[in-house]
Each structure stands twice: as structure tokens, then as C-alpha cells.
Amino acid sequence: MKKILIIGCTEVTKVVVKALCNDITSASEICIASLDKSECDVYRKKYQGAPVRITTARVDVTNKQGTMMMLSITQPELIINLTPPELSLTVMNLALEIGADYIDSELFEWNSGNLLSRQFENFSNFRVKNLTAI
């Protein structure tokens, strides 16, 4: 079971949190973090009785120092990135820096610019640390 950090509170968050709460072998703790913590709190309250512990946090991933402080507290083993595509590489690099596995939801944007090619460049850095990046 993993400590999972979901960064970004979107419609996808609803699906991810529900799936993780229904399969207690996947996660022991989930932290949902976004610029607007109150949006995250909705999910925490909705799944309050779930066997998976859910916490929430406010995070601005463009503020590296503040984000690193939050990451040192939550100590995630997996980061699920639900932020807009322009923040994907930032979150991916944060996951790499703290030694967390990484899942990105922004592949639907693969053809707008070179986000996917820049992410592929980073995959070898994850492999070197024996981490997964999807």
C-alpha cells in the first residue's frame, strides 16, 4: 500500500479517489492538493468513512520551496499529476527529486507542443532511480 499524492482537483480527481478508496490494497493514505484546498476538502468529506485515510492541502507547484515543504510532510510514494499541461514537467521533476513514482494525466495534450517528448527525455532519470513514470 502506498502513500499517494494527487496534485490538482479536477473531474478526474473524482474518479481516481473513488477507485483508490474502493481498493484498499492500492493506497493506505491519499493526500489531495490543489491551489484551492476547499475543492479538495469536498472529496475528503465525501470519503470520510473509507478505509483509506484522506488528507488535503493547498499547494502552488510554481512555489518550489513551499511545495517541497508539503512533500516533506506528506512523503508520497506516488504522485498523480492532474494539473494543466504547462505544469506537468514541474510536477514530474518534483516527483523525481523526492524519489516518488509518477503518473501524469495530460497525455491527451501530447500533440500540443512537445510535452510528451520532454517527458520521455526525463523517463531515463526515473529508471536510474528505479522509479516508475507513466
Protein backbone atom coordinates (compact mmCIF):
# COMPACT_ATOMS: atom_id res chain seq x y z
CA MET A 1 0.00 0.00 0.00
CA LYS A 2 1.26 3.42 -0.91
CA LYS A 3 1.01 6.98 0.24
CA ILE A 4 -0.42 8.75 -2.79
CA LEU A 5 -0.44 12.45 -3.52
CA ILE A 6 -2.92 13.72 -6.08
CA ILE A 7 -1.95 17.18 -7.30
CA GLY A 8 -4.83 19.02 -8.92
CA CYS A 9 -8.52 18.89 -8.15
CA THR A 10 -10.43 18.19 -11.36
CA GLU A 11 -13.24 15.96 -12.61
CA VAL A 12 -10.62 13.22 -12.94
CA THR A 13 -9.93 13.52 -9.21
CA LYS A 14 -13.44 12.24 -8.52
CA VAL A 15 -12.76 9.05 -10.49
CA VAL A 16 -9.25 8.49 -9.10
CA VAL A 17 -10.22 8.99 -5.44
CA LYS A 18 -13.25 6.73 -5.77
CA ALA A 19 -11.16 3.97 -7.37
CA LEU A 20 -8.42 4.24 -4.74
CA CYS A 21 -10.94 4.21 -1.89
CA ASN A 22 -12.62 1.11 -3.31
CA ASP A 23 -9.33 -0.84 -3.45
CA ILE A 24 -7.56 -0.64 -0.10
CA THR A 25 -4.64 -2.67 -1.46
CA SER A 26 -3.64 0.31 -3.64
CA ALA A 27 -3.33 3.06 -1.07
CA SER A 28 -3.07 3.49 2.67
CA GLU A 29 -3.16 7.28 2.52
CA ILE A 30 -4.24 9.80 -0.09
CA CYS A 31 -3.48 13.49 0.02
CA ILE A 32 -5.34 15.69 -2.45
CA ALA A 33 -3.61 19.01 -3.05
CA SER A 34 -4.56 21.98 -5.19
CA LEU A 35 -4.45 25.75 -5.28
CA ASP A 36 -7.98 25.73 -3.81
CA LYS A 37 -7.94 23.46 -0.76
CA SER A 38 -11.71 23.79 -0.29
CA GLU A 39 -12.25 21.86 -3.56
CA CYS A 40 -10.10 19.05 -2.15
CA ASP A 41 -11.99 19.09 1.14
CA VAL A 42 -15.17 18.07 -0.72
CA TYR A 43 -13.60 14.70 -1.55
CA ARG A 44 -12.15 14.28 1.93
CA LYS A 45 -15.61 14.75 3.43
CA LYS A 46 -17.30 12.53 0.83
CA TYR A 47 -14.99 9.59 1.60
CA GLN A 48 -14.61 10.24 5.32
CA GLY A 49 -15.65 6.69 6.26
CA ALA A 50 -13.43 4.98 3.69
CA PRO A 51 -10.69 2.62 4.89
CA VAL A 52 -8.13 4.87 3.18
CA ARG A 53 -7.05 7.95 5.12
CA ILE A 54 -7.61 11.13 3.08
CA THR A 55 -6.00 14.48 3.83
CA THR A 56 -5.95 17.70 1.85
CA ALA A 57 -3.50 20.52 1.30
CA ARG A 58 -3.10 23.75 -0.56
CA VAL A 59 -0.20 23.72 -2.98
CA ASP A 60 1.18 26.03 -5.64
CA VAL A 61 3.66 23.89 -7.59
CA THR A 62 5.26 27.02 -9.04
CA ASN A 63 6.47 27.77 -5.48
CA LYS A 64 9.13 25.07 -5.20
CA GLN A 65 10.11 25.82 -1.59
CA GLY A 66 6.50 25.64 -0.37
CA THR A 67 5.81 22.54 -2.43
CA MET A 68 8.93 20.79 -1.13
CA MET A 69 7.83 21.57 2.43
CA MET A 70 4.42 20.00 1.75
CA LEU A 71 6.11 16.98 0.13
CA SER A 72 8.37 16.51 3.15
CA ILE A 73 5.27 16.36 5.34
CA THR A 74 3.15 14.07 3.13
CA GLN A 75 6.08 11.88 1.97
CA PRO A 76 4.25 10.42 -1.03
CA GLU A 77 5.47 7.27 -2.73
CA LEU A 78 3.37 8.05 -5.81
CA ILE A 79 2.36 11.40 -7.27
CA ILE A 80 -0.63 11.54 -9.60
CA ASN A 81 -0.47 14.75 -11.60
CA LEU A 82 -3.82 16.26 -12.58
CA THR A 83 -2.52 19.79 -13.16
CA PRO A 84 -2.70 21.63 -16.50
CA PRO A 85 -0.13 20.55 -19.13
CA GLU A 86 2.08 23.59 -18.58
CA LEU A 87 2.81 22.35 -15.04
CA SER A 88 3.42 18.70 -15.91
CA LEU A 89 7.19 18.90 -16.18
CA THR A 90 7.39 20.85 -12.93
CA VAL A 91 5.44 18.18 -11.06
CA MET A 92 7.35 15.40 -12.81
CA ASN A 93 10.66 16.91 -11.69
CA LEU A 94 9.38 17.26 -8.12
CA ALA A 95 8.48 13.56 -8.08
CA LEU A 96 11.92 12.67 -9.37
CA GLU A 97 13.60 14.90 -6.79
CA ILE A 98 11.82 13.27 -3.83
CA GLY A 99 12.03 9.73 -5.21
CA ALA A 100 8.33 9.16 -5.89
CA ASP A 101 6.73 7.23 -8.73
CA TYR A 102 4.79 9.44 -11.14
CA ILE A 103 1.58 9.24 -13.17
CA ASP A 104 0.58 12.08 -15.49
CA SER A 105 -2.95 12.55 -16.78
CA GLU A 106 -2.10 15.03 -19.52
CA LEU A 107 -1.36 12.65 -22.38
CA PHE A 108 -4.44 13.90 -24.18
CA GLU A 109 -2.39 17.05 -24.78
CA TRP A 110 0.52 15.14 -26.32
CA ASN A 111 0.15 16.79 -29.71
CA SER A 112 0.12 20.38 -28.46
CA GLY A 113 3.77 21.25 -28.40
CA ASN A 114 6.46 18.85 -27.31
CA LEU A 115 5.34 17.99 -23.76
CA LEU A 116 5.44 14.24 -24.36
CA SER A 117 8.91 14.34 -25.93
CA ARG A 118 10.21 16.38 -22.99
CA GLN A 119 8.66 13.86 -20.60
CA PHE A 120 10.26 10.97 -22.47
CA GLU A 121 13.62 12.67 -22.01
CA ASN A 122 13.01 12.54 -18.26
CA PHE A 123 11.98 8.85 -18.13
CA SER A 124 15.59 7.66 -18.11
CA ASN A 125 16.16 9.71 -14.93
CA PHE A 126 13.31 7.79 -13.28
CA ARG A 127 14.74 4.44 -14.45
CA VAL A 128 18.14 5.28 -12.95
CA LYS A 129 16.42 5.74 -9.57
CA ASN A 130 14.33 2.56 -10.09
CA LEU A 131 11.13 4.65 -10.20
CA THR A 132 8.13 4.40 -12.48
CA ALA A 133 6.90 7.31 -14.59
CA ILE A 134 3.80 7.00 -16.75
